[in-house]
Amino acid sequence: MADTIDVTVFTRSTCPRTDAARAVLDKAHGRFPIALTEVDVTFDAALEIAYGNDTPVVLIEGTERFRREVDEHELNIILQTLQMKRGLRREGPKA
């Protein structure tokens, strides 16, 4: 059983929605045991083709959950459900 919930966010440096998505994800990171990975699609042609101007795109445990905007309430429900199913505890603050 994994100790964290894998969250991957595909971004691009020129995406105006990235900062808002980061703020929501950072807030969730403080509440839930997530392993957050950010990938800039501009460095990978296949990812650029796949996600284009739809960034940010958020995958939770490999399943796409959000595209263009991250709904904080929905994100919390998804993470809380996964946390409960796995019996995970919240991580402490990162040092």
Protein backbone atom coordinates (compact mmCIF):
# COMPACT_ATOMS: atom_id res chain seq x y z
CA MET A 1 0.00 0.00 0.00
CA ALA A 2 1.38 3.41 -0.96
CA ASP A 3 1.91 5.99 1.77
CA THR A 4 0.88 8.86 -0.48
CA ILE A 5 -1.57 9.72 -3.22
CA ASP A 6 0.20 10.46 -6.51
CA VAL A 7 -0.83 13.77 -8.07
CA THR A 8 0.73 14.94 -11.32
CA VAL A 9 0.05 18.35 -12.79
CA PHE A 10 0.97 19.09 -16.39
CA THR A 11 1.68 22.79 -16.90
CA ARG A 12 3.35 25.19 -19.26
CA SER A 13 5.30 28.27 -18.29
CA THR A 14 3.05 30.54 -20.36
CA CYS A 15 -0.24 29.20 -18.96
CA PRO A 16 -2.16 31.95 -17.12
CA ARG A 17 -4.15 29.36 -15.13
CA THR A 18 -1.13 27.62 -13.62
CA ASP A 19 -0.74 29.88 -10.58
CA ALA A 20 -4.37 29.38 -9.52
CA ALA A 21 -4.05 25.60 -9.90
CA ARG A 22 -0.79 25.58 -7.92
CA ALA A 23 -2.45 27.49 -5.08
CA VAL A 24 -5.27 24.94 -4.85
CA LEU A 25 -2.86 22.00 -5.05
CA ASP A 26 -0.49 23.50 -2.48
CA LYS A 27 -3.38 23.98 -0.08
CA ALA A 28 -4.43 20.34 -0.61
CA HIS A 29 -0.83 19.24 -0.11
CA GLY A 30 -1.01 20.68 3.40
CA ARG A 31 -4.15 18.66 4.19
CA PHE A 32 -3.61 15.33 2.45
CA PRO A 33 -0.73 12.86 2.05
CA ILE A 34 -0.02 13.59 -1.59
CA ALA A 35 3.13 13.25 -3.66
CA LEU A 36 2.89 16.20 -6.02
CA THR A 37 4.82 16.19 -9.31
CA GLU A 38 4.75 19.08 -11.77
CA VAL A 39 5.69 18.53 -15.41
CA ASP A 40 6.16 21.34 -17.93
CA VAL A 41 4.78 20.06 -21.23
CA THR A 42 6.91 22.43 -23.29
CA PHE A 43 9.89 20.11 -22.80
CA ASP A 44 8.15 17.03 -24.24
CA ALA A 45 6.65 17.08 -27.74
CA ALA A 46 4.22 14.24 -27.02
CA LEU A 47 2.89 15.94 -23.89
CA GLU A 48 2.64 19.25 -25.74
CA ILE A 49 0.51 17.55 -28.39
CA ALA A 50 -1.61 15.75 -25.78
CA TYR A 51 -2.31 18.74 -23.55
CA GLY A 52 -1.63 21.74 -25.79
CA ASN A 53 -3.38 24.81 -24.42
CA ASP A 54 -5.50 22.81 -21.96
CA THR A 55 -3.01 23.15 -19.11
CA PRO A 56 -3.04 22.72 -16.27
CA VAL A 57 -4.08 19.08 -16.41
CA VAL A 58 -4.21 17.18 -13.12
CA LEU A 59 -3.89 13.41 -12.84
CA ILE A 60 -4.64 11.70 -9.55
CA GLU A 61 -3.27 8.18 -9.36
CA GLY A 62 -2.87 8.28 -13.15
CA THR A 63 -6.47 9.28 -13.91
CA GLU A 64 -7.17 12.68 -15.41
CA ARG A 65 -9.38 14.60 -12.99
CA PHE A 66 -9.06 18.25 -14.03
CA ARG A 67 -8.28 20.15 -17.19
CA ARG A 68 -7.76 23.92 -17.37
CA GLU A 69 -9.13 24.56 -13.86
CA VAL A 70 -8.87 22.76 -10.54
CA ASP A 71 -12.06 22.77 -8.50
CA GLU A 72 -10.94 22.90 -4.86
CA HIS A 73 -14.08 21.30 -3.44
CA GLU A 74 -14.03 18.41 -5.91
CA LEU A 75 -10.29 17.91 -5.37
CA ASN A 76 -10.81 17.67 -1.61
CA ILE A 77 -13.58 15.09 -2.05
CA ILE A 78 -11.41 12.95 -4.34
CA LEU A 79 -8.40 13.12 -2.02
CA GLN A 80 -10.44 12.51 1.12
CA THR A 81 -12.07 9.46 -0.47
CA LEU A 82 -8.71 8.01 -1.50
CA GLN A 83 -7.23 8.79 1.92
CA MET A 84 -10.07 7.01 3.70
CA LYS A 85 -10.01 3.98 1.38
CA ARG A 86 -6.29 3.52 1.99
CA GLY A 87 -6.28 4.42 5.67
CA LEU A 88 -3.64 7.07 5.08
CA ARG A 89 -2.71 9.79 7.50
CA ARG A 90 -1.88 13.35 6.67
CA GLU A 91 1.81 14.06 6.21
CA GLY A 92 3.50 16.43 8.56
CA PRO A 93 4.88 19.70 7.27
CA LYS A 94 7.84 19.41 4.93
CA ALA A 95 11.09 20.50 6.53
